[in-house]
N, C-alpha and C. Protein backbone atom coordinates (compact mmCIF):
# COMPACT_ATOMS: atom_id res chain seq x y z
N MET A 1 60.68 -157.91 60.38
CA MET A 1 62.04 -157.87 60.85
C MET A 1 62.24 -158.87 62.01
N VAL A 2 61.21 -159.00 62.83
CA VAL A 2 61.30 -159.94 63.96
C VAL A 2 61.51 -161.36 63.45
N GLN A 3 60.82 -161.72 62.38
CA GLN A 3 60.95 -163.08 61.84
C GLN A 3 62.35 -163.32 61.29
N LEU A 4 62.95 -162.32 60.66
CA LEU A 4 64.30 -162.46 60.14
C LEU A 4 65.29 -162.71 61.28
N VAL A 5 65.21 -161.90 62.32
CA VAL A 5 66.11 -162.06 63.46
C VAL A 5 65.87 -163.41 64.14
N ALA A 6 64.60 -163.80 64.29
CA ALA A 6 64.30 -165.09 64.91
C ALA A 6 64.85 -166.24 64.09
N ALA A 7 64.70 -166.18 62.76
CA ALA A 7 65.23 -167.24 61.90
C ALA A 7 66.74 -167.34 62.01
N LEU A 8 67.41 -166.20 61.98
CA LEU A 8 68.87 -166.22 62.07
C LEU A 8 69.34 -166.70 63.44
N LEU A 9 68.61 -166.37 64.47
CA LEU A 9 68.94 -166.85 65.81
C LEU A 9 68.79 -168.37 65.89
N VAL A 10 67.72 -168.90 65.32
CA VAL A 10 67.53 -170.35 65.28
C VAL A 10 68.67 -170.99 64.48
N GLY A 11 69.07 -170.37 63.38
CA GLY A 11 70.17 -170.89 62.58
C GLY A 11 71.47 -170.94 63.35
N VAL A 12 71.76 -169.90 64.11
CA VAL A 12 72.97 -169.89 64.93
C VAL A 12 72.91 -170.98 66.00
N LEU A 13 71.77 -171.10 66.65
CA LEU A 13 71.63 -172.12 67.69
C LEU A 13 71.76 -173.53 67.12
N MET A 14 71.30 -173.73 65.89
CA MET A 14 71.45 -175.04 65.25
C MET A 14 72.93 -175.37 65.02
N VAL A 15 73.69 -174.38 64.62
CA VAL A 15 75.10 -174.60 64.32
C VAL A 15 75.91 -174.79 65.60
N LEU A 16 75.56 -174.08 66.66
CA LEU A 16 76.32 -174.18 67.91
C LEU A 16 76.22 -175.57 68.54
N ARG A 17 75.08 -176.22 68.36
CA ARG A 17 74.86 -177.56 68.93
C ARG A 17 75.13 -177.60 70.43
N LEU A 18 74.53 -176.67 71.15
CA LEU A 18 74.66 -176.63 72.61
C LEU A 18 74.03 -177.89 73.20
N PRO A 19 74.68 -178.51 74.16
CA PRO A 19 74.15 -179.77 74.73
C PRO A 19 72.73 -179.62 75.28
N ALA A 20 72.43 -178.50 75.91
CA ALA A 20 71.09 -178.31 76.48
C ALA A 20 70.02 -178.24 75.40
N LEU A 21 70.38 -177.81 74.19
CA LEU A 21 69.42 -177.66 73.10
C LEU A 21 69.50 -178.79 72.08
N GLU A 22 70.36 -179.77 72.33
CA GLU A 22 70.60 -180.83 71.35
C GLU A 22 69.33 -181.54 70.88
N PRO A 23 68.38 -181.87 71.75
CA PRO A 23 67.18 -182.54 71.23
C PRO A 23 66.42 -181.68 70.23
N TYR A 24 66.49 -180.36 70.39
CA TYR A 24 65.73 -179.46 69.52
C TYR A 24 66.51 -179.06 68.27
N ALA A 25 67.84 -179.19 68.30
CA ALA A 25 68.66 -178.71 67.18
C ALA A 25 68.33 -179.44 65.88
N SER A 26 68.17 -180.75 65.94
CA SER A 26 67.87 -181.50 64.72
C SER A 26 66.46 -181.24 64.22
N ALA A 27 65.56 -180.85 65.12
CA ALA A 27 64.18 -180.57 64.72
C ALA A 27 63.97 -179.11 64.36
N ALA A 28 65.02 -178.30 64.46
CA ALA A 28 64.87 -176.86 64.25
C ALA A 28 64.97 -176.43 62.79
N LEU A 29 65.46 -177.28 61.91
CA LEU A 29 65.62 -176.88 60.51
C LEU A 29 64.30 -176.44 59.87
N PRO A 30 63.21 -177.18 60.02
CA PRO A 30 61.95 -176.69 59.43
C PRO A 30 61.51 -175.35 60.02
N VAL A 31 61.76 -175.13 61.30
CA VAL A 31 61.40 -173.86 61.93
C VAL A 31 62.23 -172.75 61.31
N TYR A 32 63.52 -172.98 61.16
CA TYR A 32 64.42 -172.00 60.56
C TYR A 32 63.95 -171.62 59.16
N VAL A 33 63.69 -172.63 58.34
CA VAL A 33 63.27 -172.37 56.95
C VAL A 33 61.92 -171.65 56.93
N HIS A 34 61.00 -172.08 57.75
CA HIS A 34 59.67 -171.47 57.74
C HIS A 34 59.71 -170.02 58.22
N LEU A 35 60.48 -169.76 59.27
CA LEU A 35 60.60 -168.38 59.74
C LEU A 35 61.24 -167.50 58.68
N LEU A 36 62.23 -168.03 57.99
CA LEU A 36 62.92 -167.24 56.98
C LEU A 36 62.05 -167.03 55.74
N VAL A 37 61.43 -168.10 55.26
CA VAL A 37 60.66 -167.99 54.01
C VAL A 37 59.28 -167.39 54.23
N MET A 38 58.50 -167.97 55.14
CA MET A 38 57.15 -167.45 55.36
C MET A 38 57.16 -166.19 56.23
N GLY A 39 58.03 -166.18 57.21
CA GLY A 39 58.05 -165.05 58.13
C GLY A 39 58.69 -163.82 57.54
N TRP A 40 59.87 -163.96 56.98
CA TRP A 40 60.58 -162.80 56.46
C TRP A 40 60.24 -162.55 55.00
N ALA A 41 60.53 -163.51 54.13
CA ALA A 41 60.40 -163.27 52.69
C ALA A 41 58.94 -163.03 52.28
N THR A 42 58.04 -163.87 52.74
CA THR A 42 56.64 -163.72 52.33
C THR A 42 56.05 -162.40 52.81
N GLN A 43 56.33 -162.04 54.05
CA GLN A 43 55.80 -160.76 54.54
C GLN A 43 56.41 -159.58 53.80
N MET A 44 57.67 -159.69 53.43
CA MET A 44 58.30 -158.63 52.65
C MET A 44 57.64 -158.56 51.27
N ILE A 45 57.41 -159.70 50.66
CA ILE A 45 56.76 -159.73 49.35
C ILE A 45 55.35 -159.16 49.45
N PHE A 46 54.59 -159.56 50.46
CA PHE A 46 53.24 -159.03 50.64
C PHE A 46 53.28 -157.51 50.76
N GLY A 47 54.18 -157.00 51.58
CA GLY A 47 54.25 -155.56 51.80
C GLY A 47 54.65 -154.81 50.54
N VAL A 48 55.64 -155.29 49.83
CA VAL A 48 56.09 -154.61 48.61
C VAL A 48 55.03 -154.70 47.53
N ALA A 49 54.41 -155.86 47.38
CA ALA A 49 53.36 -156.01 46.37
C ALA A 49 52.20 -155.07 46.66
N TYR A 50 51.78 -155.00 47.91
CA TYR A 50 50.67 -154.12 48.26
C TYR A 50 51.03 -152.66 47.99
N TRP A 51 52.26 -152.30 48.26
CA TRP A 51 52.72 -150.94 48.06
C TRP A 51 52.87 -150.62 46.57
N MET A 52 53.32 -151.60 45.77
CA MET A 52 53.60 -151.36 44.35
C MET A 52 52.35 -151.30 43.48
N PHE A 53 51.35 -152.11 43.77
CA PHE A 53 50.16 -152.09 42.92
C PHE A 53 49.45 -150.75 43.07
N PRO A 54 48.90 -150.25 41.98
CA PRO A 54 48.24 -148.94 42.08
C PRO A 54 46.98 -149.01 42.94
N ARG A 55 46.70 -147.89 43.58
CA ARG A 55 45.48 -147.82 44.39
C ARG A 55 44.27 -147.75 43.46
N PRO A 56 43.19 -148.43 43.83
CA PRO A 56 41.99 -148.35 42.99
C PRO A 56 41.37 -146.96 43.09
N ALA A 57 40.58 -146.63 42.09
CA ALA A 57 39.88 -145.35 42.10
C ALA A 57 38.94 -145.31 43.31
N PRO A 58 38.76 -144.13 43.91
CA PRO A 58 37.91 -144.04 45.12
C PRO A 58 36.50 -144.60 44.92
N GLU A 59 35.97 -144.50 43.72
CA GLU A 59 34.61 -145.02 43.51
C GLU A 59 34.55 -146.55 43.57
N HIS A 60 35.69 -147.21 43.45
CA HIS A 60 35.71 -148.67 43.55
C HIS A 60 35.94 -149.14 44.98
N GLY A 61 36.25 -148.23 45.89
CA GLY A 61 36.50 -148.59 47.28
C GLY A 61 37.88 -149.18 47.45
N VAL A 62 38.41 -149.06 48.61
CA VAL A 62 39.77 -149.56 48.87
C VAL A 62 39.76 -150.81 49.73
N GLY A 63 38.61 -151.28 50.13
CA GLY A 63 38.55 -152.45 50.99
C GLY A 63 38.63 -152.06 52.45
N HIS A 64 38.40 -153.02 53.30
CA HIS A 64 38.39 -152.75 54.73
C HIS A 64 39.77 -153.04 55.32
N PRO A 65 40.30 -152.12 56.16
CA PRO A 65 41.64 -152.36 56.73
C PRO A 65 41.73 -153.61 57.60
N SER A 66 40.60 -154.09 58.09
CA SER A 66 40.66 -155.29 58.94
C SER A 66 41.15 -156.50 58.15
N VAL A 67 40.98 -156.52 56.84
CA VAL A 67 41.47 -157.64 56.03
C VAL A 67 43.00 -157.69 56.10
N GLY A 68 43.64 -156.53 56.08
CA GLY A 68 45.09 -156.49 56.22
C GLY A 68 45.55 -157.01 57.57
N TRP A 69 44.82 -156.64 58.62
CA TRP A 69 45.16 -157.12 59.96
C TRP A 69 44.91 -158.62 60.10
N ILE A 70 43.87 -159.12 59.44
CA ILE A 70 43.61 -160.56 59.44
C ILE A 70 44.77 -161.29 58.78
N CYS A 71 45.23 -160.76 57.65
CA CYS A 71 46.37 -161.35 56.94
C CYS A 71 47.59 -161.38 57.86
N PHE A 72 47.90 -160.27 58.48
CA PHE A 72 49.06 -160.17 59.36
C PHE A 72 48.94 -161.12 60.56
N ALA A 73 47.79 -161.11 61.21
CA ALA A 73 47.60 -161.91 62.42
C ALA A 73 47.61 -163.40 62.13
N THR A 74 46.95 -163.83 61.07
CA THR A 74 46.89 -165.26 60.79
C THR A 74 48.23 -165.79 60.27
N LEU A 75 48.95 -164.99 59.49
CA LEU A 75 50.26 -165.45 59.03
C LEU A 75 51.21 -165.60 60.21
N ASN A 76 51.26 -164.60 61.07
CA ASN A 76 52.17 -164.66 62.21
C ASN A 76 51.70 -165.66 63.27
N GLY A 77 50.39 -165.79 63.46
CA GLY A 77 49.88 -166.80 64.38
C GLY A 77 50.23 -168.20 63.91
N GLY A 78 50.08 -168.45 62.61
CA GLY A 78 50.47 -169.74 62.05
C GLY A 78 51.96 -170.01 62.20
N LEU A 79 52.76 -168.96 62.01
CA LEU A 79 54.20 -169.12 62.18
C LEU A 79 54.57 -169.46 63.62
N LEU A 80 53.94 -168.78 64.57
CA LEU A 80 54.23 -169.08 65.98
C LEU A 80 53.82 -170.50 66.34
N LEU A 81 52.64 -170.92 65.89
CA LEU A 81 52.21 -172.29 66.17
C LEU A 81 53.17 -173.31 65.55
N ARG A 82 53.58 -173.06 64.32
CA ARG A 82 54.50 -173.98 63.65
C ARG A 82 55.85 -174.01 64.37
N ALA A 83 56.34 -172.85 64.78
CA ALA A 83 57.63 -172.79 65.47
C ALA A 83 57.60 -173.58 66.78
N ALA A 84 56.45 -173.65 67.41
CA ALA A 84 56.33 -174.43 68.65
C ALA A 84 56.08 -175.90 68.35
N ALA A 85 55.22 -176.19 67.39
CA ALA A 85 54.78 -177.57 67.15
C ALA A 85 55.78 -178.40 66.36
N GLU A 86 56.53 -177.77 65.48
CA GLU A 86 57.45 -178.54 64.64
C GLU A 86 58.50 -179.29 65.47
N PRO A 87 59.27 -178.61 66.31
CA PRO A 87 60.24 -179.38 67.11
C PRO A 87 59.59 -180.25 68.17
N ALA A 88 58.51 -179.77 68.78
CA ALA A 88 57.84 -180.57 69.81
C ALA A 88 57.29 -181.86 69.21
N GLY A 89 56.71 -181.76 68.01
CA GLY A 89 56.18 -182.95 67.35
C GLY A 89 57.25 -183.90 66.89
N ALA A 90 58.43 -183.37 66.55
CA ALA A 90 59.54 -184.25 66.14
C ALA A 90 60.12 -185.00 67.33
N ILE A 91 60.14 -184.34 68.49
CA ILE A 91 60.73 -184.97 69.68
C ILE A 91 59.72 -185.87 70.39
N HIS A 92 58.47 -185.41 70.47
CA HIS A 92 57.40 -186.17 71.14
C HIS A 92 56.23 -186.31 70.17
N PRO A 93 56.32 -187.19 69.18
CA PRO A 93 55.25 -187.29 68.19
C PRO A 93 53.93 -187.76 68.80
N THR A 94 52.94 -186.91 68.72
CA THR A 94 51.59 -187.25 69.17
C THR A 94 50.61 -186.65 68.17
N PRO A 95 49.39 -187.14 68.15
CA PRO A 95 48.39 -186.55 67.26
C PRO A 95 48.13 -185.07 67.56
N LEU A 96 48.34 -184.66 68.80
CA LEU A 96 48.12 -183.26 69.16
C LEU A 96 49.01 -182.34 68.33
N TRP A 97 50.31 -182.68 68.21
CA TRP A 97 51.22 -181.81 67.46
C TRP A 97 50.88 -181.80 65.98
N GLY A 98 50.40 -182.93 65.48
CA GLY A 98 49.92 -182.96 64.09
C GLY A 98 48.73 -182.04 63.89
N ALA A 99 47.84 -182.02 64.87
CA ALA A 99 46.67 -181.14 64.79
C ALA A 99 47.09 -179.67 64.87
N VAL A 100 48.08 -179.38 65.72
CA VAL A 100 48.57 -178.00 65.83
C VAL A 100 49.21 -177.57 64.52
N LEU A 101 49.96 -178.46 63.88
CA LEU A 101 50.55 -178.13 62.58
C LEU A 101 49.48 -177.90 61.52
N LEU A 102 48.40 -178.67 61.58
CA LEU A 102 47.30 -178.46 60.64
C LEU A 102 46.67 -177.09 60.85
N VAL A 103 46.44 -176.71 62.10
CA VAL A 103 45.88 -175.38 62.40
C VAL A 103 46.83 -174.29 61.91
N ALA A 104 48.13 -174.49 62.12
CA ALA A 104 49.12 -173.51 61.66
C ALA A 104 49.05 -173.35 60.14
N ALA A 105 48.97 -174.46 59.43
CA ALA A 105 48.88 -174.40 57.97
C ALA A 105 47.59 -173.73 57.51
N LEU A 106 46.49 -174.01 58.20
CA LEU A 106 45.22 -173.38 57.85
C LEU A 106 45.25 -171.87 58.11
N LEU A 107 45.89 -171.47 59.19
CA LEU A 107 46.03 -170.03 59.46
C LEU A 107 46.84 -169.35 58.35
N GLN A 108 47.87 -170.01 57.88
CA GLN A 108 48.66 -169.43 56.80
C GLN A 108 47.88 -169.40 55.49
N LEU A 109 47.04 -170.38 55.27
CA LEU A 109 46.16 -170.35 54.10
C LEU A 109 45.19 -169.18 54.18
N VAL A 110 44.62 -168.96 55.36
CA VAL A 110 43.73 -167.80 55.56
C VAL A 110 44.48 -166.51 55.26
N ALA A 111 45.74 -166.43 55.69
CA ALA A 111 46.55 -165.24 55.43
C ALA A 111 46.72 -165.02 53.93
N ALA A 112 46.99 -166.07 53.19
CA ALA A 112 47.16 -165.94 51.74
C ALA A 112 45.87 -165.49 51.07
N VAL A 113 44.75 -166.06 51.49
CA VAL A 113 43.45 -165.67 50.92
C VAL A 113 43.14 -164.21 51.29
N ALA A 114 43.45 -163.81 52.50
CA ALA A 114 43.23 -162.42 52.92
C ALA A 114 44.10 -161.48 52.10
N PHE A 115 45.33 -161.87 51.82
CA PHE A 115 46.20 -161.02 51.00
C PHE A 115 45.64 -160.87 49.60
N VAL A 116 45.17 -161.96 49.02
CA VAL A 116 44.56 -161.88 47.69
C VAL A 116 43.34 -160.98 47.73
N ALA A 117 42.50 -161.14 48.74
CA ALA A 117 41.30 -160.28 48.86
C ALA A 117 41.69 -158.82 49.01
N LEU A 118 42.76 -158.57 49.74
CA LEU A 118 43.20 -157.21 49.99
C LEU A 118 43.76 -156.56 48.73
N THR A 119 44.47 -157.30 47.92
CA THR A 119 45.14 -156.72 46.76
C THR A 119 44.41 -156.91 45.45
N TRP A 120 43.36 -157.71 45.44
CA TRP A 120 42.71 -158.03 44.17
C TRP A 120 42.23 -156.79 43.42
N ARG A 121 41.64 -155.84 44.12
CA ARG A 121 41.16 -154.62 43.45
C ARG A 121 42.31 -153.84 42.84
N ARG A 122 43.45 -153.90 43.46
CA ARG A 122 44.62 -153.22 42.91
C ARG A 122 45.11 -153.92 41.66
N VAL A 123 45.09 -155.25 41.66
CA VAL A 123 45.53 -155.99 40.50
C VAL A 123 44.52 -155.85 39.37
N ALA A 124 43.26 -155.97 39.68
CA ALA A 124 42.20 -155.90 38.67
C ALA A 124 42.13 -154.51 38.02
N ALA A 125 42.63 -153.49 38.68
CA ALA A 125 42.59 -152.13 38.13
C ALA A 125 43.56 -151.98 36.96
N ARG A 126 44.52 -152.87 36.84
CA ARG A 126 45.54 -152.74 35.78
C ARG A 126 45.06 -153.27 34.49
């Protein structure tokens, strides 16, 4: 829910075109889209998919809850890094911001792999 509100707030700020935020307004579109798609939609899809797939039989184990927390932390950590680095890199392009964006993308990749690991037993049970 936080990502949805944050995305919509960024969208409103982009439309307002406040003079103090003008340098960031043109660089905010990728942040808006990423917060909305990866932050809101992807997390909603992850949650609903995890809830909808049947639980595996107890003898197959349910997996370790830390995998779910890894998924949550790396997805949101990647989103936060991207939200900071995307406009900063557009306004002040340096190799540092490119490296931060790479780390953000890798964190989101880890989140996707963790989600697959978390739900695979549920999918394979079908």
